[in-house]
Amino acid sequence: MANVTDAAFRRLIAQYGKPDIMYTEFVSANGLASAGREALIRDLEYSESERPIIAQLFTADPEKMFEAAKIVAELKFDGIDINMGCPDKNVMKQGAGACLMKHPDIARELMKAAKAGAPNLPLSIKTRIGDTKNDLHHWLPELLSEKPAAIIIHCRTRKEMSKVPARWQHIAEAVTIAQGSGTLIIGNGDVKDLEDARVKAAETGADGVMLGRAIFGNPWLFNPKKNNATIPLAERLKVMIEHTKLFNQLLGDIKPFAIMRKHYKAYANGFDGAKELRVQLMQTENIEEVEEVVKKFFN
């Protein structure tokens, strides 16, 4: 997730509740393959504690994908992912993200280019059930024909974005279509926690489940011994401050501090005084101000 699962947040997650596998926020393969790639390389920084770690890219240009995949391999990632599901208008204007569902020929060329650029890395695809309607019966076989290691399917269409409930029956449909292909099918959409993920996997036959939005304000999400609802408030806000310090340390020179505010909305939620604390946190400009706001909250 862009400006969410950055290096700072992933490092925090690895410490407090590490999942089986992590994906970076998505990065433009076009930018990565260009001369001014330094900032994007920083987006792909990771620590050994995050392994296995997958680099997530987007583009509609097979040549740029080939070059970017070579860089991903040089950076010693554990895998490469092509995002073919993002509905962001700026991404789709480039012919990338969810736009590729309407152009399976380009999608396949991108997959071939990624494999050629990083022949020793497993390839995964992140996508949706279709553009304006469920089109798995046509779209999924196109992807399967290139034999990716895994396909992560968000069970809504591009048009629906996240405005309607995810329909997990389509994950079961995808599992049936992919049977015998050797490609893992991973479901995504509206998964609340680990228990919910296990139930959905069992009901659909999915090989795995990806959780995204549920991680907001909850770096303990993948820790079976922790429940966000029972974590003491002081501990939650202490980790929020730790998150902020990591952001400053790793990304403060290239990303605006305002990015942290979306995290503050999630950390400061569900307890007495949360609204008032959120309002104050949203006005902060640096780590010192955040620490002062939290200090005053407990006094």
Protein backbone atom coordinates (compact mmCIF):
# COMPACT_ATOMS: atom_id res chain seq x y z
CA MET A 1 0.00 0.00 0.00
CA ALA A 2 1.54 3.27 -1.17
CA ASN A 3 2.80 5.42 1.71
CA VAL A 4 1.61 2.84 4.21
CA THR A 5 3.74 -0.29 4.08
CA ASP A 6 6.94 1.69 3.78
CA ALA A 7 10.29 0.68 5.26
CA ALA A 8 9.45 2.15 8.68
CA PHE A 9 6.10 0.42 9.10
CA ARG A 10 7.36 -2.91 7.75
CA ARG A 11 10.25 -2.89 10.21
CA LEU A 12 7.80 -2.22 13.04
CA ILE A 13 5.54 -5.05 11.86
CA ALA A 14 8.48 -7.44 11.63
CA GLN A 15 9.23 -6.67 15.28
CA TYR A 16 5.73 -6.90 16.75
CA GLY A 17 3.82 -9.35 14.56
CA LYS A 18 5.65 -10.72 11.54
CA PRO A 19 3.51 -12.31 8.79
CA ASP A 20 4.62 -15.26 6.63
CA ILE A 21 5.63 -12.90 3.83
CA MET A 22 5.79 -9.14 3.28
CA TYR A 23 5.31 -6.95 0.21
CA THR A 24 6.77 -3.49 -0.27
CA GLU A 25 4.59 -0.54 -1.16
CA PHE A 26 4.33 -0.45 -4.93
CA VAL A 27 7.04 1.34 -6.91
CA SER A 28 7.01 2.57 -10.50
CA ALA A 29 9.11 0.30 -12.69
CA ASN A 30 9.40 3.21 -15.14
CA GLY A 31 10.97 5.35 -12.46
CA LEU A 32 13.14 2.54 -11.18
CA ALA A 33 14.53 1.96 -14.66
CA SER A 34 15.31 5.67 -15.16
CA ALA A 35 18.43 7.67 -14.28
CA GLY A 36 16.84 9.45 -11.29
CA ARG A 37 15.97 6.30 -9.38
CA GLU A 38 17.61 7.14 -6.04
CA ALA A 39 14.40 8.06 -4.17
CA LEU A 40 12.60 4.97 -5.48
CA ILE A 41 15.50 2.77 -4.39
CA ARG A 42 14.92 4.19 -0.92
CA ASP A 43 11.28 3.06 -1.16
CA LEU A 44 12.62 -0.46 -1.66
CA GLU A 45 14.94 -0.45 1.36
CA TYR A 46 14.33 -3.36 3.70
CA SER A 47 15.87 -5.00 6.74
CA GLU A 48 16.80 -8.67 7.06
CA SER A 49 14.08 -9.00 9.73
CA GLU A 50 11.45 -8.52 7.02
CA ARG A 51 12.36 -11.58 4.96
CA PRO A 52 10.83 -13.09 2.95
CA ILE A 53 10.21 -9.73 1.28
CA ILE A 54 8.67 -9.16 -2.16
CA ALA A 55 9.24 -6.03 -4.27
CA GLN A 56 5.96 -4.77 -5.73
CA LEU A 57 6.15 -2.89 -9.05
CA PHE A 58 3.75 -1.31 -11.53
CA THR A 59 4.12 -0.36 -15.20
CA ALA A 60 2.64 -1.01 -18.64
CA ASP A 61 6.02 -1.08 -20.37
CA PRO A 62 7.66 -4.53 -20.69
CA GLU A 63 11.08 -3.02 -21.36
CA LYS A 64 10.91 -0.97 -18.15
CA MET A 65 9.70 -4.04 -16.28
CA PHE A 66 12.69 -6.01 -17.52
CA GLU A 67 15.13 -3.34 -16.33
CA ALA A 68 13.34 -2.90 -13.00
CA ALA A 69 13.25 -6.64 -12.41
CA LYS A 70 17.03 -6.78 -12.87
CA ILE A 71 17.39 -4.10 -10.18
CA VAL A 72 15.08 -6.03 -7.85
CA ALA A 73 17.25 -9.11 -8.31
CA GLU A 74 20.40 -7.08 -7.63
CA LEU A 75 18.80 -5.80 -4.41
CA LYS A 76 18.41 -9.44 -3.37
CA PHE A 77 14.66 -9.47 -2.85
CA ASP A 78 12.97 -12.82 -2.31
CA GLY A 79 10.45 -12.28 -5.10
CA ILE A 80 8.87 -9.80 -7.47
CA ASP A 81 5.23 -8.77 -7.76
CA ILE A 82 3.41 -6.91 -10.53
CA ASN A 83 0.42 -4.88 -9.41
CA MET A 84 -2.43 -5.38 -11.89
CA GLY A 85 -5.24 -4.33 -9.58
CA CYS A 86 -4.65 -0.76 -8.39
CA PRO A 87 -7.64 1.45 -9.40
CA ASP A 88 -5.80 4.75 -8.84
CA LYS A 89 -6.50 7.06 -11.78
CA ASN A 90 -2.90 8.24 -12.10
CA VAL A 91 -1.67 4.65 -12.28
CA MET A 92 -4.35 3.67 -14.79
CA LYS A 93 -3.56 6.67 -17.01
CA GLN A 94 -0.21 5.00 -17.57
CA GLY A 95 -1.97 1.82 -18.69
CA ALA A 96 -0.82 0.11 -15.50
CA GLY A 97 -2.55 -1.30 -12.41
CA ALA A 98 -6.16 -2.35 -12.94
CA CYS A 99 -6.04 -1.08 -16.53
CA LEU A 100 -4.11 -4.23 -17.46
CA MET A 101 -7.22 -6.36 -16.91
CA LYS A 102 -8.48 -4.92 -20.20
CA HIS A 103 -5.18 -5.70 -21.94
CA PRO A 104 -4.19 -9.29 -21.16
CA ASP A 105 -1.69 -9.31 -24.00
CA ILE A 106 0.32 -6.53 -22.32
CA ALA A 107 -0.11 -8.21 -18.94
CA ARG A 108 1.47 -11.38 -20.29
CA GLU A 109 4.34 -9.46 -21.87
CA LEU A 110 5.02 -7.80 -18.52
CA MET A 111 5.14 -11.18 -16.80
CA LYS A 112 7.57 -12.52 -19.39
CA ALA A 113 9.74 -9.41 -18.99
CA ALA A 114 9.82 -9.73 -15.20
CA LYS A 115 10.87 -13.37 -15.45
CA ALA A 116 13.56 -12.52 -17.98
CA GLY A 117 14.91 -9.70 -15.82
CA ALA A 118 14.84 -11.72 -12.60
CA PRO A 119 14.91 -15.38 -13.71
CA ASN A 120 15.72 -16.72 -10.26
CA LEU A 121 12.95 -14.90 -8.41
CA PRO A 122 9.36 -16.18 -8.03
CA LEU A 123 6.79 -13.91 -9.68
CA SER A 124 3.41 -13.02 -8.20
CA ILE A 125 0.55 -10.94 -9.58
CA LYS A 126 -1.79 -8.75 -7.55
CA THR A 127 -5.13 -8.21 -9.30
CA ARG A 128 -8.95 -8.11 -9.03
CA ILE A 129 -11.82 -10.25 -10.25
CA GLY A 130 -12.40 -7.92 -13.21
CA ASP A 131 -12.80 -4.37 -14.45
CA THR A 132 -16.53 -3.64 -14.25
CA LYS A 133 -17.76 -7.20 -13.71
CA ASN A 134 -16.45 -10.58 -12.63
CA ASP A 135 -14.24 -11.72 -15.50
CA LEU A 136 -12.20 -14.44 -13.80
CA HIS A 137 -13.15 -17.08 -16.37
CA HIS A 138 -11.30 -15.05 -19.04
CA TRP A 139 -8.74 -13.01 -17.09
CA LEU A 140 -7.34 -15.66 -14.76
CA PRO A 141 -6.38 -18.21 -17.46
CA GLU A 142 -4.44 -15.44 -19.25
CA LEU A 143 -2.34 -14.94 -16.11
CA LEU A 144 -2.04 -18.65 -15.39
CA SER A 145 -0.65 -19.26 -18.88
CA GLU A 146 2.57 -17.48 -17.82
CA LYS A 147 2.91 -19.72 -14.75
CA PRO A 148 3.41 -17.21 -11.95
CA ALA A 149 4.21 -18.57 -8.50
CA ALA A 150 1.13 -16.90 -7.00
CA ILE A 151 -1.84 -14.71 -7.90
CA ILE A 152 -3.34 -12.49 -5.21
CA ILE A 153 -6.97 -11.70 -6.01
CA HIS A 154 -8.88 -8.83 -4.45
CA CYS A 155 -12.46 -10.04 -4.69
CA ARG A 156 -14.01 -6.85 -5.99
CA THR A 157 -13.94 -5.26 -9.44
CA ARG A 158 -11.92 -2.18 -10.33
CA LYS A 159 -15.15 -0.16 -10.56
CA GLU A 160 -16.24 -1.22 -7.09
CA MET A 161 -12.90 -0.23 -5.53
CA SER A 162 -13.64 -0.86 -1.82
CA LYS A 163 -17.18 0.52 -1.81
CA VAL A 164 -19.00 -2.84 -1.59
CA PRO A 165 -18.35 -5.92 0.55
CA ALA A 166 -15.70 -8.28 -0.79
CA ARG A 167 -17.24 -11.39 -2.36
CA TRP A 168 -15.15 -14.34 -1.31
CA GLN A 169 -17.15 -16.82 -3.38
CA HIS A 170 -15.06 -15.57 -6.31
CA ILE A 171 -11.89 -16.76 -4.56
CA ALA A 172 -13.38 -20.26 -4.51
CA GLU A 173 -14.12 -19.80 -8.22
CA ALA A 174 -10.49 -18.79 -8.84
CA VAL A 175 -9.22 -21.84 -6.92
CA THR A 176 -11.26 -24.08 -9.21
CA ILE A 177 -9.99 -22.36 -12.37
CA ALA A 178 -6.36 -22.61 -11.17
CA GLN A 179 -6.57 -26.24 -10.09
CA GLY A 180 -3.57 -28.21 -11.34
CA SER A 181 -1.75 -25.11 -12.60
CA GLY A 182 0.86 -25.06 -9.83
CA THR A 183 0.04 -21.39 -9.12
CA LEU A 184 -1.01 -20.45 -5.59
CA ILE A 185 -4.27 -18.51 -5.24
CA ILE A 186 -4.28 -15.98 -2.42
CA GLY A 187 -7.47 -14.17 -1.43
CA ASN A 188 -7.73 -10.54 -0.38
CA GLY A 189 -10.47 -8.17 0.74
CA ASP A 190 -12.18 -7.23 4.04
CA VAL A 191 -10.14 -9.67 6.13
CA LYS A 192 -10.28 -8.54 9.77
CA ASP A 193 -7.68 -10.64 11.53
CA LEU A 194 -5.84 -13.99 11.54
CA GLU A 195 -8.88 -15.99 12.61
CA ASP A 196 -11.01 -14.42 9.88
CA ALA A 197 -8.23 -15.23 7.39
CA ARG A 198 -8.14 -18.88 8.45
CA VAL A 199 -11.91 -19.18 8.10
CA LYS A 200 -11.92 -17.61 4.63
CA ALA A 201 -9.05 -19.81 3.47
CA ALA A 202 -10.82 -22.94 4.72
CA GLU A 203 -14.14 -21.96 3.14
CA THR A 204 -12.69 -21.12 -0.29
CA GLY A 205 -9.74 -23.49 -0.58
CA ALA A 206 -7.36 -20.56 -1.03
CA ASP A 207 -3.67 -21.27 -0.54
CA GLY A 208 -3.29 -18.11 1.52
CA VAL A 209 -4.82 -14.80 2.52
CA MET A 210 -3.40 -11.29 2.22
CA LEU A 211 -4.28 -8.64 4.79
CA GLY A 212 -3.88 -4.97 4.00
CA ARG A 213 -6.07 -2.32 5.59
CA ALA A 214 -6.39 -4.34 8.81
CA ILE A 215 -2.75 -3.55 9.60
CA PHE A 216 -3.47 0.18 10.11
CA GLY A 217 -2.71 1.05 13.73
CA ASN A 218 -2.14 -2.61 14.51
CA PRO A 219 1.44 -3.83 13.96
CA TRP A 220 0.48 -6.80 16.19
CA LEU A 221 -2.01 -8.04 13.58
CA PHE A 222 -0.02 -11.16 12.66
CA ASN A 223 1.00 -11.98 16.23
CA PRO A 224 -1.18 -14.88 17.45
CA LYS A 225 -0.41 -14.00 21.06
CA LYS A 226 -1.63 -10.40 20.78
CA ASN A 227 -5.07 -8.85 20.37
CA ASN A 228 -5.17 -5.18 19.47
CA ALA A 229 -8.35 -4.72 21.49
CA THR A 230 -6.64 -5.80 24.71
CA ILE A 231 -3.28 -4.06 24.25
CA PRO A 232 -2.90 -1.34 26.93
CA LEU A 233 -3.34 2.18 25.57
CA ALA A 234 0.05 3.25 26.90
CA GLU A 235 1.71 0.45 24.93
CA ARG A 236 -0.20 1.32 21.77
CA LEU A 237 0.84 4.97 21.90
CA LYS A 238 4.41 4.02 22.81
CA VAL A 239 4.60 1.96 19.62
CA MET A 240 3.03 4.84 17.67
CA ILE A 241 5.92 7.04 18.85
CA GLU A 242 8.41 4.30 17.93
CA HIS A 243 6.80 4.16 14.47
CA THR A 244 7.24 7.91 14.11
CA LYS A 245 10.92 7.73 15.11
CA LEU A 246 11.53 4.97 12.57
CA PHE A 247 9.84 7.06 9.88
CA ASN A 248 12.09 10.02 10.74
CA GLN A 249 15.18 7.85 10.77
CA LEU A 250 14.55 5.95 7.54
CA LEU A 251 12.43 8.29 5.41
CA GLY A 252 12.34 11.72 7.03
CA ASP A 253 14.68 13.24 4.45
CA ILE A 254 12.65 12.12 1.42
CA LYS A 255 9.01 11.93 2.58
CA PRO A 256 6.77 14.55 4.22
CA PHE A 257 5.93 14.10 7.90
CA ALA A 258 2.23 14.41 6.98
CA ILE A 259 2.31 10.79 5.78
CA MET A 260 2.33 9.71 9.43
CA ARG A 261 -1.03 11.34 10.10
CA LYS A 262 -2.99 8.55 8.44
CA HIS A 263 -1.35 6.20 10.94
CA TYR A 264 -2.25 8.47 13.86
CA LYS A 265 -5.92 8.21 12.87
CA ALA A 266 -5.67 4.45 13.31
CA TYR A 267 -3.57 4.35 16.47
CA ALA A 268 -5.79 6.92 18.24
CA ASN A 269 -9.07 5.10 17.86
CA GLY A 270 -11.56 3.19 20.00
CA PHE A 271 -10.93 4.58 23.49
CA ASP A 272 -12.13 7.44 25.67
CA GLY A 273 -10.55 10.69 24.53
CA ALA A 274 -9.45 9.22 21.19
CA LYS A 275 -11.12 11.93 19.11
CA GLU A 276 -9.48 14.75 21.06
CA LEU A 277 -6.09 13.03 20.85
CA ARG A 278 -6.52 12.48 17.09
CA VAL A 279 -7.27 16.16 16.52
CA GLN A 280 -4.06 17.15 18.30
CA LEU A 281 -1.94 14.51 16.56
CA MET A 282 -3.20 15.65 13.17
CA GLN A 283 -1.73 19.08 13.85
CA THR A 284 1.76 17.85 14.69
CA GLU A 285 4.71 18.59 12.44
CA ASN A 286 7.51 16.54 14.03
CA ILE A 287 8.33 13.77 16.51
CA GLU A 288 8.87 16.21 19.38
CA GLU A 289 5.34 17.55 19.03
CA VAL A 290 3.93 14.02 18.88
CA GLU A 291 5.73 13.07 22.08
CA GLU A 292 4.48 16.21 23.81
CA VAL A 293 0.86 15.55 22.77
CA VAL A 294 1.01 12.00 24.10
CA LYS A 295 2.67 13.13 27.34
CA LYS A 296 -0.07 15.69 27.97
CA PHE A 297 -2.75 13.11 27.18
CA PHE A 298 -1.62 10.94 30.10
CA ASN A 299 -1.21 13.87 32.53
